[in-house]
């Protein structure tokens, strides 16, 4: 899980290989967002959950897609 102040990108660690992946984020698409993003290293699907605070900082968690 990672946490960062508002920016147009953030990083998550792949649930399979552990490698960091940079992704673009949009806090205006919803306070809680859940979607699948393939790892840029091992290409396996990660379920990402992004949660934005009132100050637009984001917390990202990744899990293996079942």
N, C-alpha and C. Protein backbone atom coordinates (compact mmCIF):
# COMPACT_ATOMS: atom_id res chain seq x y z
N UNK A 1 0.85 -1.17 0.00
CA UNK A 1 0.00 0.00 0.00
C UNK A 1 0.90 1.23 0.00
N UNK A 2 0.48 2.24 -0.76
CA UNK A 2 1.25 3.48 -0.76
C UNK A 2 0.33 4.66 -0.53
N UNK A 3 0.92 5.78 -0.13
CA UNK A 3 0.16 6.98 0.19
C UNK A 3 0.94 8.17 -0.35
N UNK A 4 0.26 9.08 -1.08
CA UNK A 4 0.96 10.26 -1.59
C UNK A 4 0.03 11.45 -1.63
N UNK A 5 0.61 12.65 -1.59
CA UNK A 5 -0.17 13.87 -1.73
C UNK A 5 -0.69 13.94 -3.16
N UNK A 6 -1.72 14.77 -3.39
CA UNK A 6 -2.33 14.83 -4.71
C UNK A 6 -1.30 15.11 -5.79
N UNK A 7 -1.34 14.30 -6.78
CA UNK A 7 -0.53 14.45 -7.99
C UNK A 7 -1.30 13.74 -9.08
N UNK A 8 -0.84 13.86 -10.29
CA UNK A 8 -1.54 13.17 -11.36
C UNK A 8 -1.03 11.74 -11.54
N UNK A 9 -0.07 11.35 -10.70
CA UNK A 9 0.41 9.97 -10.74
C UNK A 9 0.79 9.51 -9.34
N UNK A 10 0.84 8.20 -9.17
CA UNK A 10 1.26 7.59 -7.91
C UNK A 10 1.84 6.22 -8.24
N UNK A 11 2.33 5.52 -7.23
CA UNK A 11 2.96 4.23 -7.44
C UNK A 11 2.25 3.16 -6.63
N UNK A 12 2.11 1.96 -7.22
CA UNK A 12 1.66 0.79 -6.47
C UNK A 12 2.68 -0.31 -6.68
N UNK A 13 2.73 -1.25 -5.75
CA UNK A 13 3.62 -2.41 -5.88
C UNK A 13 2.79 -3.60 -6.32
N UNK A 14 3.25 -4.28 -7.34
CA UNK A 14 2.54 -5.43 -7.89
C UNK A 14 2.31 -6.49 -6.82
N UNK A 15 1.09 -7.00 -6.76
CA UNK A 15 0.74 -8.03 -5.78
C UNK A 15 1.40 -9.37 -6.10
N UNK A 16 1.90 -9.53 -7.32
CA UNK A 16 2.54 -10.78 -7.73
C UNK A 16 4.06 -10.72 -7.61
N UNK A 17 4.68 -9.74 -8.28
CA UNK A 17 6.15 -9.70 -8.32
C UNK A 17 6.76 -8.65 -7.39
N UNK A 18 5.94 -7.76 -6.84
CA UNK A 18 6.42 -6.76 -5.90
C UNK A 18 7.08 -5.54 -6.52
N UNK A 19 7.16 -5.49 -7.84
CA UNK A 19 7.81 -4.37 -8.50
C UNK A 19 6.93 -3.12 -8.45
N UNK A 20 7.55 -1.93 -8.32
CA UNK A 20 6.77 -0.69 -8.32
C UNK A 20 6.26 -0.38 -9.73
N UNK A 21 5.06 0.17 -9.80
CA UNK A 21 4.43 0.57 -11.05
C UNK A 21 3.87 1.97 -10.87
N UNK A 22 4.14 2.86 -11.81
CA UNK A 22 3.58 4.20 -11.76
C UNK A 22 2.29 4.23 -12.56
N UNK A 23 1.25 4.86 -11.98
CA UNK A 23 -0.04 4.97 -12.65
C UNK A 23 -0.53 6.41 -12.57
N UNK A 24 -1.36 6.80 -13.52
CA UNK A 24 -2.02 8.10 -13.48
C UNK A 24 -3.28 7.98 -12.63
N UNK A 25 -3.58 9.02 -11.87
CA UNK A 25 -4.77 9.01 -11.02
C UNK A 25 -5.58 10.28 -11.26
N UNK A 26 -6.90 10.18 -11.00
CA UNK A 26 -7.81 11.31 -11.15
C UNK A 26 -8.74 11.34 -9.94
N UNK A 27 -8.49 12.22 -8.98
CA UNK A 27 -9.33 12.26 -7.77
C UNK A 27 -10.76 12.69 -8.07
N UNK A 28 -10.99 13.28 -9.22
CA UNK A 28 -12.33 13.74 -9.56
C UNK A 28 -13.19 12.65 -10.18
N UNK A 29 -12.63 11.45 -10.36
CA UNK A 29 -13.38 10.31 -10.89
C UNK A 29 -14.10 9.55 -9.77
N UNK A 30 -13.96 10.01 -8.55
CA UNK A 30 -14.62 9.38 -7.41
C UNK A 30 -13.67 9.26 -6.24
N UNK A 31 -14.22 9.35 -5.04
CA UNK A 31 -13.39 9.29 -3.84
C UNK A 31 -12.78 7.91 -3.64
N UNK A 32 -13.52 6.85 -4.00
CA UNK A 32 -13.01 5.48 -3.95
C UNK A 32 -13.12 4.91 -5.36
N UNK A 33 -12.02 4.39 -5.86
CA UNK A 33 -11.98 3.82 -7.20
C UNK A 33 -11.37 2.42 -7.13
N UNK A 34 -11.98 1.48 -7.82
CA UNK A 34 -11.48 0.11 -7.87
C UNK A 34 -11.43 -0.30 -9.34
N UNK A 35 -10.27 -0.75 -9.79
CA UNK A 35 -10.14 -1.21 -11.16
C UNK A 35 -8.94 -2.14 -11.29
N UNK A 36 -8.82 -2.79 -12.43
CA UNK A 36 -7.73 -3.73 -12.69
C UNK A 36 -6.69 -3.06 -13.56
N UNK A 37 -5.43 -3.18 -13.16
CA UNK A 37 -4.30 -2.63 -13.90
C UNK A 37 -3.24 -3.73 -14.01
N UNK A 38 -2.78 -3.99 -15.22
CA UNK A 38 -1.73 -4.98 -15.42
C UNK A 38 -0.39 -4.43 -14.96
N UNK A 39 0.41 -5.28 -14.34
CA UNK A 39 1.76 -4.90 -13.91
C UNK A 39 2.60 -4.58 -15.15
N UNK A 40 3.37 -3.51 -15.07
CA UNK A 40 4.23 -3.10 -16.18
C UNK A 40 5.45 -4.00 -16.31
N UNK A 41 5.72 -4.84 -15.32
CA UNK A 41 6.89 -5.73 -15.34
C UNK A 41 6.49 -7.16 -15.68
N UNK A 42 5.57 -7.75 -14.90
CA UNK A 42 5.22 -9.17 -15.11
C UNK A 42 3.90 -9.36 -15.87
N UNK A 43 3.19 -8.26 -16.15
CA UNK A 43 1.95 -8.27 -16.95
C UNK A 43 0.77 -8.98 -16.28
N UNK A 44 0.85 -9.28 -15.01
CA UNK A 44 -0.27 -9.94 -14.32
C UNK A 44 -1.24 -8.90 -13.79
N UNK A 45 -2.53 -9.25 -13.72
CA UNK A 45 -3.56 -8.28 -13.34
C UNK A 45 -3.61 -8.02 -11.83
N UNK A 46 -3.60 -6.75 -11.47
CA UNK A 46 -3.71 -6.30 -10.08
C UNK A 46 -5.03 -5.55 -9.92
N UNK A 47 -5.76 -5.88 -8.85
CA UNK A 47 -6.95 -5.11 -8.51
C UNK A 47 -6.48 -3.96 -7.63
N UNK A 48 -6.66 -2.74 -8.12
CA UNK A 48 -6.24 -1.56 -7.38
C UNK A 48 -7.43 -0.91 -6.71
N UNK A 49 -7.21 -0.46 -5.49
CA UNK A 49 -8.23 0.30 -4.76
C UNK A 49 -7.57 1.62 -4.38
N UNK A 50 -8.08 2.69 -4.94
CA UNK A 50 -7.59 4.04 -4.65
C UNK A 50 -8.61 4.74 -3.78
N UNK A 51 -8.13 5.34 -2.70
CA UNK A 51 -8.99 6.10 -1.80
C UNK A 51 -8.40 7.49 -1.64
N UNK A 52 -9.20 8.51 -1.94
CA UNK A 52 -8.75 9.89 -1.86
C UNK A 52 -9.30 10.55 -0.61
N UNK A 53 -8.43 11.29 0.10
CA UNK A 53 -8.83 12.07 1.27
C UNK A 53 -9.37 13.43 0.81
N UNK A 54 -9.86 14.22 1.77
CA UNK A 54 -10.39 15.55 1.46
C UNK A 54 -9.35 16.45 0.81
N UNK A 55 -8.08 16.26 1.16
CA UNK A 55 -7.00 17.09 0.60
C UNK A 55 -6.40 16.48 -0.66
N UNK A 56 -7.09 15.49 -1.25
CA UNK A 56 -6.70 14.83 -2.50
C UNK A 56 -5.47 13.94 -2.38
N UNK A 57 -5.02 13.63 -1.14
CA UNK A 57 -3.97 12.64 -1.03
C UNK A 57 -4.61 11.28 -1.27
N UNK A 58 -3.83 10.39 -1.86
CA UNK A 58 -4.38 9.09 -2.28
C UNK A 58 -3.66 7.95 -1.57
N UNK A 59 -4.43 6.94 -1.19
CA UNK A 59 -3.90 5.69 -0.67
C UNK A 59 -4.23 4.62 -1.69
N UNK A 60 -3.23 3.83 -2.07
CA UNK A 60 -3.40 2.80 -3.08
C UNK A 60 -3.08 1.44 -2.48
N UNK A 61 -3.95 0.46 -2.71
CA UNK A 61 -3.65 -0.91 -2.34
C UNK A 61 -3.83 -1.78 -3.57
N UNK A 62 -3.04 -2.84 -3.66
CA UNK A 62 -3.15 -3.76 -4.78
C UNK A 62 -3.34 -5.18 -4.26
N UNK A 63 -4.10 -5.94 -5.02
CA UNK A 63 -4.36 -7.34 -4.65
C UNK A 63 -4.35 -8.17 -5.92
N UNK A 64 -4.12 -9.46 -5.76
CA UNK A 64 -4.16 -10.38 -6.91
C UNK A 64 -5.60 -10.50 -7.40
N UNK A 65 -5.76 -10.47 -8.72
CA UNK A 65 -7.09 -10.68 -9.26
C UNK A 65 -7.42 -12.16 -9.15
N UNK A 66 -8.62 -12.49 -8.67
CA UNK A 66 -8.97 -13.89 -8.50
C UNK A 66 -9.71 -14.45 -9.69
